[in-house]
Amino acid sequence: MGLVDSPNDRRSSRKGNRQSKRLGFHIDMTPMVDVAFLLLTFFMLTTTFGKPNTMEINIPPESGEVKIAENNVMTFRIVEDGYAYWSIGDQTPTRISLYDEGRERGAMSLGKELRLMLRQQTALNAKLVIIVKISDRAKYKYLVDLIDEFNLLQIDRFSLDDFTDDDASAVGMVASTGSNVGRDAAMN
């Protein structure tokens, strides 16, 4: 029980000074403390904490190799400049922007061109497996957005692999020419 009391019987020892008589007051803090603890208990019991988002990962079997035809493998290389280079089999990689122009910051989803390409390629080949290789200098956001896009498009056959020197040289070769060689052939 909390109480606040004020003394009301101060009297001056001097004579002749007229002092006003103070009235004592009494505040009972008990109801306020009860309400505070009731609210605290209510919010502790009714609050739901954020559930961790997890992604199910299918790991290949330890024994043996899983063989996939080369024309069923799409290699998707992500570099640091916001572009990706994709190719099927031994084709020359094709440069594609991850996001629409000027929408990289704060963009919630990938670009329309990339989404269209993924839809077309998965519709053309139902056995398509996408291998995602991300450069060490690329933003982690690119990978997260790409996996989110896979989930939206219901693409569940993809895997992550290391970005090797061969990938860097393939990307560098396409980037130095500045062309999208193979894009039209693959899109048709």
Foldseek 3Di string as FASTA:
>chain_A
DDKDKDDFPDDDPDPPDDDDGDDMDMDDCVVVVVVVVVVVVVCVVPDDDDDDDDDDDDDDDPPDDDDDDQQQEKEWEAEAPQWIWIDGRPDQTFIDGQAPPPQPPPDQAGHPVVLLLVVQVCVVPVSHAYEYEYDPNHDPVSVVRVVVSCVVVVPDRYYYDYCDVVNVVSVVVCVVVVHGPPPVVSSD
